[in-house]
PDB file of N, CA and C in Angstrom:
ATOM      1  N   UNK A   1       0.848  -1.176   0.016  1.00  0.00           N
ATOM      2  CA  UNK A   1      -0.007  -0.007   0.008  1.00  0.00           C
ATOM      3  C   UNK A   1       0.924   1.219   0.001  1.00  0.00           C
ATOM      4  N   UNK A   2       0.637   2.189  -0.931  1.00  0.00           N
ATOM      5  CA  UNK A   2       1.445   3.397  -0.961  1.00  0.00           C
ATOM      6  C   UNK A   2       1.362   4.171   0.362  1.00  0.00           C
ATOM      7  N   UNK A   3       2.423   4.851   0.715  1.00  0.00           N
ATOM      8  CA  UNK A   3       2.500   5.563   1.991  1.00  0.00           C
ATOM      9  C   UNK A   3       1.372   6.565   2.141  1.00  0.00           C
ATOM     10  N   UNK A   4       0.957   7.230   1.072  1.00  0.00           N
ATOM     11  CA  UNK A   4      -0.083   8.227   1.221  1.00  0.00           C
ATOM     12  C   UNK A   4      -1.462   7.616   1.502  1.00  0.00           C
ATOM     13  N   UNK A   5      -1.594   6.293   1.338  1.00  0.00           N
ATOM     14  CA  UNK A   5      -2.849   5.609   1.595  1.00  0.00           C
ATOM     15  C   UNK A   5      -2.884   4.987   2.979  1.00  0.00           C
ATOM     16  N   UNK A   6      -1.754   4.913   3.679  1.00  0.00           N
ATOM     17  CA  UNK A   6      -1.693   4.319   5.006  1.00  0.00           C
ATOM     18  C   UNK A   6      -2.139   5.324   6.052  1.00  0.00           C
ATOM     19  N   UNK A   7      -3.120   4.967   6.842  1.00  0.00           N
ATOM     20  CA  UNK A   7      -3.613   5.858   7.865  1.00  0.00           C
ATOM     21  C   UNK A   7      -3.262   5.302   9.245  1.00  0.00           C
ATOM     22  N   UNK A   8      -2.951   6.224  10.131  1.00  0.00           N
ATOM     23  CA  UNK A   8      -2.637   5.815  11.517  1.00  0.00           C
ATOM     24  C   UNK A   8      -3.905   5.918  12.376  1.00  0.00           C
ATOM     25  N   UNK A   9      -5.075   6.119  11.767  1.00  0.00           N
ATOM     26  CA  UNK A   9      -6.330   6.201  12.489  1.00  0.00           C
ATOM     27  C   UNK A   9      -7.077   4.881  12.343  1.00  0.00           C
ATOM     28  N   UNK A  10      -7.446   4.302  13.453  1.00  0.00           N
ATOM     29  CA  UNK A  10      -8.196   3.040  13.448  1.00  0.00           C
ATOM     30  C   UNK A  10      -9.590   3.313  13.960  1.00  0.00           C
ATOM     31  N   UNK A  11     -10.604   2.797  13.240  1.00  0.00           N
ATOM     32  CA  UNK A  11     -11.983   2.960  13.648  1.00  0.00           C
ATOM     33  C   UNK A  11     -12.412   1.721  14.449  1.00  0.00           C
ATOM     34  N   UNK A  12     -12.950   1.960  15.633  1.00  0.00           N
ATOM     35  CA  UNK A  12     -13.391   0.854  16.488  1.00  0.00           C
ATOM     36  C   UNK A  12     -14.880   0.598  16.417  1.00  0.00           C
ATOM     37  N   UNK A  13     -15.440   0.810  15.226  1.00  0.00           N
ATOM     38  CA  UNK A  13     -16.890   0.689  15.048  1.00  0.00           C
ATOM     39  C   UNK A  13     -17.396  -0.720  15.342  1.00  0.00           C
ATOM     40  N   UNK A  14     -16.649  -1.719  14.908  1.00  0.00           N
ATOM     41  CA  UNK A  14     -17.038  -3.117  15.178  1.00  0.00           C
ATOM     42  C   UNK A  14     -17.223  -3.375  16.668  1.00  0.00           C
ATOM     43  N   UNK A  15     -16.243  -2.952  17.448  1.00  0.00           N
ATOM     44  CA  UNK A  15     -16.274  -3.161  18.885  1.00  0.00           C
ATOM     45  C   UNK A  15     -17.463  -2.440  19.542  1.00  0.00           C
ATOM     46  N   UNK A  16     -17.699  -1.217  19.119  1.00  0.00           N
ATOM     47  CA  UNK A  16     -18.813  -0.438  19.678  1.00  0.00           C
ATOM     48  C   UNK A  16     -20.152  -1.019  19.308  1.00  0.00           C
ATOM     49  N   UNK A  17     -20.294  -1.472  18.064  1.00  0.00           N
ATOM     50  CA  UNK A  17     -21.554  -2.087  17.623  1.00  0.00           C
ATOM     51  C   UNK A  17     -21.829  -3.336  18.439  1.00  0.00           C
ATOM     52  N   UNK A  18     -20.799  -4.157  18.653  1.00  0.00           N
ATOM     53  CA  UNK A  18     -20.964  -5.364  19.420  1.00  0.00           C
ATOM     54  C   UNK A  18     -21.382  -5.051  20.864  1.00  0.00           C
ATOM     55  N   UNK A  19     -20.689  -4.079  21.453  1.00  0.00           N
ATOM     56  CA  UNK A  19     -21.040  -3.682  22.844  1.00  0.00           C
ATOM     57  C   UNK A  19     -22.471  -3.190  22.967  1.00  0.00           C
ATOM     58  N   UNK A  20     -22.956  -2.521  21.917  1.00  0.00           N
ATOM     59  CA  UNK A  20     -24.313  -1.950  21.962  1.00  0.00           C
ATOM     60  C   UNK A  20     -25.358  -2.920  21.446  1.00  0.00           C
ATOM     61  N   UNK A  21     -24.921  -4.088  20.946  1.00  0.00           N
ATOM     62  CA  UNK A  21     -25.887  -5.032  20.383  1.00  0.00           C
ATOM     63  C   UNK A  21     -26.602  -4.524  19.170  1.00  0.00           C
ATOM     64  N   UNK A  22     -25.870  -3.773  18.333  1.00  0.00           N
ATOM     65  CA  UNK A  22     -26.430  -3.132  17.169  1.00  0.00           C
ATOM     66  C   UNK A  22     -25.716  -3.614  15.904  1.00  0.00           C
ATOM     67  N   UNK A  23     -26.465  -3.709  14.843  1.00  0.00           N
ATOM     68  CA  UNK A  23     -25.857  -4.086  13.550  1.00  0.00           C
ATOM     69  C   UNK A  23     -25.461  -2.830  12.786  1.00  0.00           C
ATOM     70  N   UNK A  24     -24.616  -3.014  11.798  1.00  0.00           N
ATOM     71  CA  UNK A  24     -24.210  -1.910  10.915  1.00  0.00           C
ATOM     72  C   UNK A  24     -25.431  -1.373  10.159  1.00  0.00           C
ATOM     73  N   UNK A  25     -26.340  -2.281   9.796  1.00  0.00           N
ATOM     74  CA  UNK A  25     -27.562  -1.895   9.107  1.00  0.00           C
ATOM     75  C   UNK A  25     -28.436  -1.004   9.974  1.00  0.00           C
ATOM     76  N   UNK A  26     -28.561  -1.332  11.262  1.00  0.00           N
ATOM     77  CA  UNK A  26     -29.349  -0.539  12.179  1.00  0.00           C
ATOM     78  C   UNK A  26     -28.677   0.840  12.368  1.00  0.00           C
ATOM     79  N   UNK A  27     -27.367   0.877  12.517  1.00  0.00           N
ATOM     80  CA  UNK A  27     -26.664   2.148  12.642  1.00  0.00           C
ATOM     81  C   UNK A  27     -26.865   2.998  11.408  1.00  0.00           C
ATOM     82  N   UNK A  28     -26.795   2.400  10.240  1.00  0.00           N
ATOM     83  CA  UNK A  28     -27.002   3.092   8.977  1.00  0.00           C
ATOM     84  C   UNK A  28     -28.377   3.740   8.961  1.00  0.00           C
ATOM     85  N   UNK A  29     -29.383   3.029   9.389  1.00  0.00           N
ATOM     86  CA  UNK A  29     -30.749   3.564   9.430  1.00  0.00           C
ATOM     87  C   UNK A  29     -30.865   4.729  10.421  1.00  0.00           C
ATOM     88  N   UNK A  30     -30.232   4.587  11.574  1.00  0.00           N
ATOM     89  CA  UNK A  30     -30.330   5.614  12.606  1.00  0.00           C
ATOM     90  C   UNK A  30     -29.607   6.907  12.260  1.00  0.00           C
ATOM     91  N   UNK A  31     -28.473   6.778  11.562  1.00  0.00           N
ATOM     92  CA  UNK A  31     -27.664   7.975  11.298  1.00  0.00           C
ATOM     93  C   UNK A  31     -27.854   8.536   9.871  1.00  0.00           C
ATOM     94  N   UNK A  32     -28.543   7.806   9.016  1.00  0.00           N
ATOM     95  CA  UNK A  32     -28.775   8.300   7.663  1.00  0.00           C
ATOM     96  C   UNK A  32     -27.532   8.267   6.800  1.00  0.00           C
ATOM     97  N   UNK A  33     -26.624   7.361   7.056  1.00  0.00           N
ATOM     98  CA  UNK A  33     -25.410   7.159   6.261  1.00  0.00           C
ATOM     99  C   UNK A  33     -25.518   5.800   5.594  1.00  0.00           C
ATOM    100  N   UNK A  34     -25.105   5.724   4.344  1.00  0.00           N
ATOM    101  CA  UNK A  34     -25.263   4.445   3.635  1.00  0.00           C
ATOM    102  C   UNK A  34     -24.459   3.335   4.283  1.00  0.00           C
ATOM    103  N   UNK A  35     -24.930   2.130   4.114  1.00  0.00           N
ATOM    104  CA  UNK A  35     -24.258   0.928   4.619  1.00  0.00           C
ATOM    105  C   UNK A  35     -22.834   0.856   4.035  1.00  0.00           C
ATOM    106  N   UNK A  36     -22.731   1.178   2.744  1.00  0.00           N
ATOM    107  CA  UNK A  36     -21.432   1.149   2.079  1.00  0.00           C
ATOM    108  C   UNK A  36     -20.454   2.091   2.734  1.00  0.00           C
ATOM    109  N   UNK A  37     -20.889   3.338   2.996  1.00  0.00           N
ATOM    110  CA  UNK A  37     -19.991   4.312   3.608  1.00  0.00           C
ATOM    111  C   UNK A  37     -19.611   3.929   5.033  1.00  0.00           C
ATOM    112  N   UNK A  38     -20.540   3.367   5.769  1.00  0.00           N
ATOM    113  CA  UNK A  38     -20.199   2.910   7.140  1.00  0.00           C
ATOM    114  C   UNK A  38     -19.253   1.755   7.074  1.00  0.00           C
ATOM    115  N   UNK A  39     -19.412   0.863   6.098  1.00  0.00           N
ATOM    116  CA  UNK A  39     -18.486  -0.248   5.946  1.00  0.00           C
ATOM    117  C   UNK A  39     -17.096   0.221   5.605  1.00  0.00           C
ATOM    118  N   UNK A  40     -16.972   1.231   4.781  1.00  0.00           N
ATOM    119  CA  UNK A  40     -15.650   1.819   4.470  1.00  0.00           C
ATOM    120  C   UNK A  40     -15.005   2.360   5.735  1.00  0.00           C
ATOM    121  N   UNK A  41     -15.789   3.023   6.533  1.00  0.00           N
ATOM    122  CA  UNK A  41     -15.275   3.550   7.801  1.00  0.00           C
ATOM    123  C   UNK A  41     -14.860   2.424   8.738  1.00  0.00           C
ATOM    124  N   UNK A  42     -15.716   1.431   8.868  1.00  0.00           N
ATOM    125  CA  UNK A  42     -15.503   0.293   9.781  1.00  0.00           C
ATOM    126  C   UNK A  42     -14.229  -0.490   9.413  1.00  0.00           C
ATOM    127  N   UNK A  43     -13.942  -0.570   8.097  1.00  0.00           N
ATOM    128  CA  UNK A  43     -12.799  -1.313   7.630  1.00  0.00           C
ATOM    129  C   UNK A  43     -11.538  -0.476   7.446  1.00  0.00           C
ATOM    130  N   UNK A  44     -11.524   0.685   8.084  1.00  0.00           N
ATOM    131  CA  UNK A  44     -10.337   1.584   8.063  1.00  0.00           C
ATOM    132  C   UNK A  44      -9.944   1.986   6.641  1.00  0.00           C
ATOM    133  N   UNK A  45     -10.915   2.155   5.757  1.00  0.00           N
ATOM    134  CA  UNK A  45     -10.614   2.557   4.402  1.00  0.00           C
ATOM    135  C   UNK A  45     -11.057   4.004   4.103  1.00  0.00           C
ATOM    136  N   UNK A  46     -11.659   4.651   5.098  1.00  0.00           N
ATOM    137  CA  UNK A  46     -12.116   6.042   4.888  1.00  0.00           C
ATOM    138  C   UNK A  46     -10.923   6.992   4.878  1.00  0.00           C
ATOM    139  N   UNK A  47     -11.002   7.964   3.955  1.00  0.00           N
ATOM    140  CA  UNK A  47      -9.939   8.978   3.905  1.00  0.00           C
ATOM    141  C   UNK A  47     -10.338  10.219   4.692  1.00  0.00           C
ATOM    142  N   UNK A  48     -11.656  10.361   4.961  1.00  0.00           N
ATOM    143  CA  UNK A  48     -12.171  11.512   5.690  1.00  0.00           C
ATOM    144  C   UNK A  48     -13.542  11.161   6.256  1.00  0.00           C
ATOM    145  N   UNK A  49     -13.977  11.939   7.235  1.00  0.00           N
ATOM    146  CA  UNK A  49     -15.309  11.800   7.788  1.00  0.00           C
ATOM    147  C   UNK A  49     -15.834  13.178   8.143  1.00  0.00           C
ATOM    148  N   UNK A  50     -17.049  13.472   7.775  1.00  0.00           N
ATOM    149  CA  UNK A  50     -17.665  14.752   8.093  1.00  0.00           C
ATOM    150  C   UNK A  50     -17.957  14.813   9.606  1.00  0.00           C
ATOM    151  N   UNK A  51     -17.810  15.990  10.183  1.00  0.00           N
ATOM    152  CA  UNK A  51     -18.110  16.142  11.590  1.00  0.00           C
ATOM    153  C   UNK A  51     -19.588  15.814  11.841  1.00  0.00           C
ATOM    154  N   UNK A  52     -20.460  16.127  10.921  1.00  0.00           N
ATOM    155  CA  UNK A  52     -21.881  15.810  11.119  1.00  0.00           C
ATOM    156  C   UNK A  52     -22.105  14.306  11.166  1.00  0.00           C
ATOM    157  N   UNK A  53     -21.362  13.537  10.353  1.00  0.00           N
ATOM    158  CA  UNK A  53     -21.458  12.075  10.408  1.00  0.00           C
ATOM    159  C   UNK A  53     -20.896  11.552  11.710  1.00  0.00           C
ATOM    160  N   UNK A  54     -19.746  12.068  12.093  1.00  0.00           N
ATOM    161  CA  UNK A  54     -19.103  11.686  13.354  1.00  0.00           C
ATOM    162  C   UNK A  54     -20.045  11.960  14.518  1.00  0.00           C
ATOM    163  N   UNK A  55     -20.662  13.114  14.528  1.00  0.00           N
ATOM    164  CA  UNK A  55     -21.579  13.465  15.577  1.00  0.00           C
ATOM    165  C   UNK A  55     -22.783  12.498  15.604  1.00  0.00           C
ATOM    166  N   UNK A  56     -23.344  12.200  14.459  1.00  0.00           N
ATOM    167  CA  UNK A  56     -24.514  11.296  14.377  1.00  0.00           C
ATOM    168  C   UNK A  56     -24.145   9.904  14.877  1.00  0.00           C
ATOM    169  N   UNK A  57     -22.990   9.391  14.513  1.00  0.00           N
ATOM    170  CA  UNK A  57     -22.531   8.076  14.926  1.00  0.00           C
ATOM    171  C   UNK A  57     -22.352   8.054  16.468  1.00  0.00           C
ATOM    172  N   UNK A  58     -21.687   9.095  16.985  1.00  0.00           N
ATOM    173  CA  UNK A  58     -21.458   9.169  18.424  1.00  0.00           C
ATOM    174  C   UNK A  58     -22.752   9.263  19.201  1.00  0.00           C
ATOM    175  N   UNK A  59     -23.740   9.990  18.661  1.00  0.00           N
ATOM    176  CA  UNK A  59     -25.027  10.099  19.344  1.00  0.00           C
ATOM    177  C   UNK A  59     -25.760   8.769  19.285  1.00  0.00           C
ATOM    178  N   UNK A  60     -25.725   8.073  18.163  1.00  0.00           N
ATOM    179  CA  UNK A  60     -26.428   6.782  18.019  1.00  0.00           C
ATOM    180  C   UNK A  60     -25.813   5.708  18.895  1.00  0.00           C
ATOM    181  N   UNK A  61     -24.476   5.770  19.059  1.00  0.00           N
ATOM    182  CA  UNK A  61     -23.774   4.759  19.854  1.00  0.00           C
ATOM    183  C   UNK A  61     -23.511   5.198  21.297  1.00  0.00           C
ATOM    184  N   UNK A  62     -23.967   6.438  21.613  1.00  0.00           N
ATOM    185  CA  UNK A  62     -23.735   6.974  22.959  1.00  0.00           C
ATOM    186  C   UNK A  62     -22.293   6.859  23.370  1.00  0.00           C
ATOM    187  N   UNK A  63     -21.433   7.448  22.531  1.00  0.00           N
ATOM    188  CA  UNK A  63     -19.993   7.372  22.779  1.00  0.00           C
ATOM    189  C   UNK A  63     -19.323   8.708  22.460  1.00  0.00           C
ATOM    190  N   UNK A  64     -18.056   8.783  22.783  1.00  0.00           N
ATOM    191  CA  UNK A  64     -17.236   9.950  22.460  1.00  0.00           C
ATOM    192  C   UNK A  64     -16.404   9.610  21.224  1.00  0.00           C
ATOM    193  N   UNK A  65     -15.892  10.642  20.568  1.00  0.00           N
ATOM    194  CA  UNK A  65     -15.074  10.456  19.383  1.00  0.00           C
ATOM    195  C   UNK A  65     -13.886   9.518  19.692  1.00  0.00           C
ATOM    196  N   UNK A  66     -13.273   9.688  20.842  1.00  0.00           N
ATOM    197  CA  UNK A  66     -12.149   8.846  21.247  1.00  0.00           C
ATOM    198  C   UNK A  66     -12.503   7.403  21.463  1.00  0.00           C
ATOM    199  N   UNK A  67     -13.789   7.119  21.683  1.00  0.00           N
ATOM    200  CA  UNK A  67     -14.244   5.727  21.776  1.00  0.00           C
ATOM    201  C   UNK A  67     -14.346   5.102  20.403  1.00  0.00           C
ATOM    202  N   UNK A  68     -14.544   5.916  19.390  1.00  0.00           N
ATOM    203  CA  UNK A  68     -14.746   5.436  18.046  1.00  0.00           C
ATOM    204  C   UNK A  68     -13.449   5.378  17.247  1.00  0.00           C
ATOM    205  N   UNK A  69     -12.598   6.408  17.401  1.00  0.00           N
ATOM    206  CA  UNK A  69     -11.375   6.525  16.637  1.00  0.00           C
ATOM    207  C   UNK A  69     -10.189   6.515  17.551  1.00  0.00           C
ATOM    208  N   UNK A  70      -9.113   5.859  17.085  1.00  0.00           N
ATOM    209  CA  UNK A  70      -7.865   5.891  17.874  1.00  0.00           C
ATOM    210  C   UNK A  70      -6.679   6.028  16.937  1.00  0.00           C
ATOM    211  N   UNK A  71      -5.635   6.682  17.422  1.00  0.00           N
ATOM    212  CA  UNK A  71      -4.391   6.856  16.669  1.00  0.00           C
ATOM    213  C   UNK A  71      -3.485   5.685  17.023  1.00  0.00           C
ATOM    214  N   UNK A  72      -3.048   4.971  16.004  1.00  0.00           N
ATOM    215  CA  UNK A  72      -2.137   3.843  16.216  1.00  0.00           C
ATOM    216  C   UNK A  72      -0.844   4.106  15.513  1.00  0.00           C
ATOM    217  N   UNK A  73       0.220   3.639  16.123  1.00  0.00           N
ATOM    218  CA  UNK A  73       1.548   3.876  15.526  1.00  0.00           C
ATOM    219  C   UNK A  73       2.047   2.635  14.840  1.00  0.00           C
TER     220      UNK A  73
END
């Protein structure tokens, strides 16, 4: 993978969904973001995320941004 495509940000969406007993499909419905886009985020393939999307996800999962995203070295 080219260096410009490697991200040090890891999305912990899988873990949060499991803790909340929620599916990706249910989250998609609640936040109004497509299943495809959430899957891209979940699989650490997103290059960016809108603050409005981040806010909606955090509200739906009752979490903080730091619970969802982490910086890994």
